[in-house]
Amino acid sequence: MTSLYSFSGASSVKFMALKLNGRSLVTTLKYTMLIILAVFLASCGDAPIRTEAEYIDVATEAHASGNSRLALLELSIGIRNFPQNADLQRLRGKIFLDLEDGSAAEIAFNKAVALGFNRDFLKHDLAQSWLYQRNPAKVIENLEKDIAQGSKDPLIYEIIGRAYIASRDRSNPTLFLKNMNKAEEYIEQAYALSPNNTRVLISKAWLPAIMGNIDEALDWLSKADLIVKGQRQNLAMQGELLIRQNN
């Protein structure tokens, strides 16, 4: 897959927040077929229907153990049995987000909102889904309104910063510098508001990484790792940076 981040015109680094999922259509179709099969089997079998909470618990445990397919199958059956449950749709969106399928995640989140889930609680998740769909302008347009209204949520600043990074264009040096300056401004503000937030620290690492300062980027990732050990996004970025450093 092609990253939206490249360093000094060299090889791309696969950042979890902004990778283009070139196989998203194939992935979505695959999960759709599995879901249809699971629902069919459930309707034909004699297995007892779980409670709404049980579907959520089983899906959460399956996803945490790395079995996202099983998690999505459980949620699909749960949604079939409890079509008005917003929490099932929300969790489904979260799992799609972890799988970097921004389109499927956005659909699930919007269904959750339609069923009564508070959209304000999904701001960051929706913004993340837009980034996976390579639509940073939508993130900036929607969330800068919150900043203008006085929001001090560090994650809003952080994700707007990432959106500006995704908007950069190296073919236009003036625009590139403008967007990078805006990205740094927002991420620094996020850091000032929440210096121990690992998501903010990982974004702090992106700024020097993009400019080719690998050692500084790794330092920021190490700080995040001291707070929460072994985060998936952190490990992925560390791996890519170490590969680049050794080349």
Protein backbone atom coordinates (compact mmCIF):
# COMPACT_ATOMS: atom_id res chain seq x y z
CA MET A 1 0.00 0.00 0.00
CA THR A 2 1.10 3.50 -0.72
CA SER A 3 1.69 5.85 2.18
CA LEU A 4 0.66 9.46 2.12
CA TYR A 5 3.89 10.31 3.91
CA SER A 6 7.27 10.38 2.24
CA PHE A 7 10.55 11.68 3.55
CA SER A 8 12.67 13.97 1.40
CA GLY A 9 11.34 12.37 -1.76
CA ALA A 10 12.56 8.94 -0.66
CA SER A 11 10.68 5.76 0.12
CA SER A 12 7.30 5.98 1.80
CA VAL A 13 6.60 5.32 5.45
CA LYS A 14 3.37 3.56 6.28
CA PHE A 15 1.68 5.63 8.93
CA MET A 16 -1.34 4.02 10.50
CA ALA A 17 -3.37 7.21 10.41
CA LEU A 18 -3.13 8.02 6.75
CA LYS A 19 -2.41 4.94 4.66
CA LEU A 20 -4.45 4.52 1.50
CA ASN A 21 -6.00 1.08 1.63
CA GLY A 22 -5.65 0.10 -2.01
CA ARG A 23 -7.48 -3.14 -1.36
CA SER A 24 -10.39 -1.59 0.53
CA LEU A 25 -12.97 -2.70 -2.04
CA VAL A 26 -11.70 -6.29 -2.02
CA THR A 27 -11.55 -6.27 1.77
CA THR A 28 -15.08 -4.90 2.07
CA LEU A 29 -16.44 -7.49 -0.37
CA LYS A 30 -14.66 -10.28 1.51
CA TYR A 31 -16.14 -9.24 4.83
CA THR A 32 -19.55 -8.76 3.24
CA MET A 33 -19.57 -12.34 1.93
CA LEU A 34 -18.46 -13.68 5.32
CA ILE A 35 -21.16 -11.66 7.04
CA ILE A 36 -23.87 -12.93 4.66
CA LEU A 37 -22.72 -16.51 5.27
CA ALA A 38 -22.69 -16.03 9.05
CA VAL A 39 -26.17 -14.53 9.11
CA PHE A 40 -27.48 -17.35 6.92
CA LEU A 41 -25.97 -20.02 9.14
CA ALA A 42 -27.28 -18.29 12.24
CA SER A 43 -30.79 -18.19 10.82
CA CYS A 44 -30.66 -21.90 9.97
CA GLY A 45 -29.13 -23.10 13.22
CA ASP A 46 -30.51 -23.71 16.66
CA ALA A 47 -27.90 -21.67 18.53
CA PRO A 48 -29.43 -19.43 21.20
CA ILE A 49 -29.50 -15.71 20.54
CA ARG A 50 -27.02 -13.80 22.69
CA THR A 51 -27.98 -10.67 24.54
CA GLU A 52 -26.86 -7.34 23.10
CA ALA A 53 -24.16 -7.05 25.75
CA GLU A 54 -22.93 -10.58 25.00
CA TYR A 55 -22.51 -9.81 21.31
CA ILE A 56 -20.46 -6.75 22.22
CA ASP A 57 -18.35 -8.67 24.73
CA VAL A 58 -17.65 -11.58 22.38
CA ALA A 59 -16.82 -9.27 19.47
CA THR A 60 -14.57 -7.10 21.63
CA GLU A 61 -12.68 -10.13 22.94
CA ALA A 62 -12.31 -11.63 19.46
CA HIS A 63 -10.98 -8.40 18.00
CA ALA A 64 -8.57 -7.88 20.90
CA SER A 65 -7.18 -11.38 20.33
CA GLY A 66 -6.62 -10.64 16.64
CA ASN A 67 -9.67 -12.38 15.20
CA SER A 68 -11.36 -9.40 13.59
CA ARG A 69 -13.31 -11.57 11.17
CA LEU A 70 -15.02 -13.39 14.01
CA ALA A 71 -15.70 -10.07 15.71
CA LEU A 72 -17.41 -8.68 12.61
CA LEU A 73 -19.41 -11.87 12.14
CA GLU A 74 -20.66 -11.73 15.73
CA LEU A 75 -21.62 -8.08 15.32
CA SER A 76 -23.45 -8.77 12.08
CA ILE A 77 -25.54 -11.45 13.76
CA GLY A 78 -26.10 -9.15 16.73
CA ILE A 79 -27.22 -6.31 14.46
CA ARG A 80 -29.60 -8.69 12.68
CA ASN A 81 -31.15 -9.67 16.01
CA PHE A 82 -31.02 -6.18 17.54
CA PRO A 83 -31.24 -3.74 14.60
CA GLN A 84 -31.92 -0.73 16.84
CA ASN A 85 -28.77 -1.10 18.94
CA ALA A 86 -26.43 1.82 18.26
CA ASP A 87 -23.56 0.36 20.31
CA LEU A 88 -23.29 -2.64 18.00
CA GLN A 89 -22.90 -0.32 15.01
CA ARG A 90 -20.39 1.83 16.86
CA LEU A 91 -18.20 -1.16 17.73
CA ARG A 92 -18.45 -2.36 14.16
CA GLY A 93 -17.17 1.02 13.01
CA LYS A 94 -14.31 0.87 15.51
CA ILE A 95 -13.19 -2.50 14.20
CA PHE A 96 -13.37 -1.36 10.58
CA LEU A 97 -11.30 1.66 11.63
CA ASP A 98 -8.63 -0.63 13.09
CA LEU A 99 -8.67 -2.50 9.78
CA GLU A 100 -8.13 0.85 8.04
CA ASP A 101 -11.36 0.55 6.06
CA GLY A 102 -12.44 4.17 6.37
CA SER A 103 -15.48 3.87 4.13
CA ALA A 104 -17.01 0.93 6.02
CA ALA A 105 -16.18 2.59 9.34
CA GLU A 106 -17.91 5.82 8.35
CA ILE A 107 -21.03 3.93 7.25
CA ALA A 108 -21.20 2.10 10.59
CA PHE A 109 -20.65 5.27 12.61
CA ASN A 110 -23.37 7.11 10.68
CA LYS A 111 -25.76 4.23 11.33
CA ALA A 112 -24.94 4.46 15.03
CA VAL A 113 -25.72 8.18 14.98
CA ALA A 114 -28.99 7.53 13.14
CA LEU A 115 -29.89 5.11 15.93
CA GLY A 116 -29.30 7.75 18.58
CA PHE A 117 -25.58 7.62 19.39
CA ASN A 118 -24.19 11.08 20.20
CA ARG A 119 -22.26 12.26 17.15
CA ASP A 120 -19.99 14.43 19.31
CA PHE A 121 -18.57 11.25 20.87
CA LEU A 122 -17.64 10.02 17.38
CA LYS A 123 -15.87 13.15 16.12
CA HIS A 124 -12.39 11.69 16.30
CA ASP A 125 -13.43 8.34 14.87
CA LEU A 126 -15.25 9.93 11.95
CA ALA A 127 -12.28 12.20 11.28
CA GLN A 128 -10.01 9.16 11.29
CA SER A 129 -12.29 7.44 8.77
CA TRP A 130 -12.05 10.48 6.48
CA LEU A 131 -8.27 10.40 6.68
CA TYR A 132 -8.24 6.75 5.64
CA GLN A 133 -10.38 7.79 2.68
CA ARG A 134 -7.79 10.45 1.80
CA ASN A 135 -10.13 13.32 2.55
CA PRO A 136 -8.11 15.59 4.88
CA ALA A 137 -10.02 18.65 3.68
CA LYS A 138 -13.18 17.23 5.25
CA VAL A 139 -11.37 16.82 8.58
CA ILE A 140 -10.10 20.40 8.49
CA GLU A 141 -13.47 21.82 7.42
CA ASN A 142 -15.42 20.01 10.14
CA LEU A 143 -13.06 20.21 13.10
CA GLU A 144 -11.60 23.68 12.73
CA LYS A 145 -15.11 24.86 13.59
CA ASP A 146 -14.64 23.31 17.02
CA ILE A 147 -11.38 25.19 17.48
CA ALA A 148 -13.08 28.44 16.48
CA GLN A 149 -15.73 27.76 19.13
CA GLY A 150 -13.07 27.42 21.81
CA SER A 151 -12.53 23.67 22.02
CA LYS A 152 -9.53 22.59 24.09
CA ASP A 153 -9.74 18.92 23.15
CA PRO A 154 -6.13 17.89 22.40
CA LEU A 155 -7.23 15.14 20.04
CA ILE A 156 -9.08 17.62 17.85
CA TYR A 157 -5.88 19.64 17.51
CA GLU A 158 -3.90 16.46 16.90
CA ILE A 159 -6.07 15.09 14.11
CA ILE A 160 -6.31 18.47 12.37
CA GLY A 161 -2.52 18.55 12.45
CA ARG A 162 -2.39 15.16 10.75
CA ALA A 163 -4.91 16.36 8.18
CA TYR A 164 -2.63 19.27 7.28
CA ILE A 165 0.28 16.86 6.93
CA ALA A 166 -1.82 14.79 4.53
CA SER A 167 -2.65 17.94 2.56
CA ARG A 168 0.97 18.77 1.82
CA ASP A 169 2.14 18.94 -1.79
CA ARG A 170 5.89 18.77 -2.43
CA SER A 171 5.38 19.99 -6.00
CA ASN A 172 4.31 23.34 -4.53
CA PRO A 173 7.02 24.42 -2.05
CA THR A 174 5.03 27.39 -0.77
CA LEU A 175 1.93 25.32 -0.07
CA PHE A 176 4.06 22.52 1.37
CA LEU A 177 5.65 24.84 3.93
CA LYS A 178 2.31 26.44 4.75
CA ASN A 179 0.64 23.10 5.44
CA MET A 180 3.61 21.79 7.43
CA ASN A 181 3.63 24.95 9.55
CA LYS A 182 -0.09 24.54 10.22
CA ALA A 183 0.43 20.88 11.09
CA GLU A 184 3.19 21.75 13.53
CA GLU A 185 1.08 24.51 15.07
CA TYR A 186 -1.86 22.18 15.76
CA ILE A 187 0.22 19.25 16.98
CA GLU A 188 2.26 21.48 19.29
CA GLN A 189 -0.98 22.84 20.75
CA ALA A 190 -2.21 19.29 21.27
CA TYR A 191 1.05 18.48 23.06
CA ALA A 192 0.72 21.56 25.27
CA LEU A 193 -2.79 20.45 26.25
CA SER A 194 -1.93 16.78 26.82
CA PRO A 195 1.82 16.02 26.93
CA ASN A 196 1.31 12.41 28.04
CA ASN A 197 -1.26 11.44 25.42
CA THR A 198 0.35 8.70 23.34
CA ARG A 199 -1.60 9.58 20.22
CA VAL A 200 -0.25 13.12 20.46
CA LEU A 201 3.29 11.85 21.06
CA ILE A 202 3.12 9.63 17.99
CA SER A 203 1.98 12.59 15.93
CA LYS A 204 4.85 14.60 17.39
CA ALA A 205 7.14 11.93 15.96
CA TRP A 206 5.75 12.40 12.47
CA LEU A 207 6.95 15.98 12.19
CA PRO A 208 10.71 15.25 12.40
CA ALA A 209 10.24 11.96 10.55
CA ILE A 210 8.82 13.73 7.51
CA MET A 211 11.86 16.00 7.46
CA GLY A 212 14.19 13.00 7.68
CA ASN A 213 15.14 13.37 11.37
CA ILE A 214 14.72 9.70 12.22
CA ASP A 215 16.51 9.76 15.59
CA GLU A 216 14.30 12.55 16.91
CA ALA A 217 11.19 10.76 15.68
CA LEU A 218 12.25 7.56 17.44
CA ASP A 219 12.79 9.52 20.66
CA TRP A 220 9.17 10.68 20.61
CA LEU A 221 7.98 7.14 19.95
CA SER A 222 10.05 5.88 22.87
CA LYS A 223 8.34 8.39 25.15
CA ALA A 224 4.95 7.12 23.99
CA ASP A 225 6.05 3.53 24.56
CA LEU A 226 6.99 4.30 28.15
CA ILE A 227 3.41 5.43 28.79
CA VAL A 228 1.60 2.65 26.91
CA LYS A 229 3.72 -0.32 25.96
CA GLY A 230 3.39 -1.92 22.56
CA GLN A 231 0.74 0.22 20.89
CA ARG A 232 0.08 -1.03 17.38
CA GLN A 233 0.51 2.37 15.70
CA ASN A 234 3.72 3.01 17.61
CA LEU A 235 5.26 -0.35 16.76
CA ALA A 236 4.36 -0.01 13.09
CA MET A 237 5.94 3.41 12.83
CA GLN A 238 9.03 2.34 14.77
CA GLY A 239 9.52 -0.57 12.39
CA GLU A 240 9.28 1.61 9.31
CA LEU A 241 11.67 4.21 10.72
CA LEU A 242 14.23 1.60 11.75
CA ILE A 243 14.14 0.10 8.27
CA ARG A 244 14.72 3.53 6.77
CA GLN A 245 17.49 4.28 9.26
CA ASN A 246 19.34 1.10 8.31
CA ASN A 247 19.11 1.70 4.56
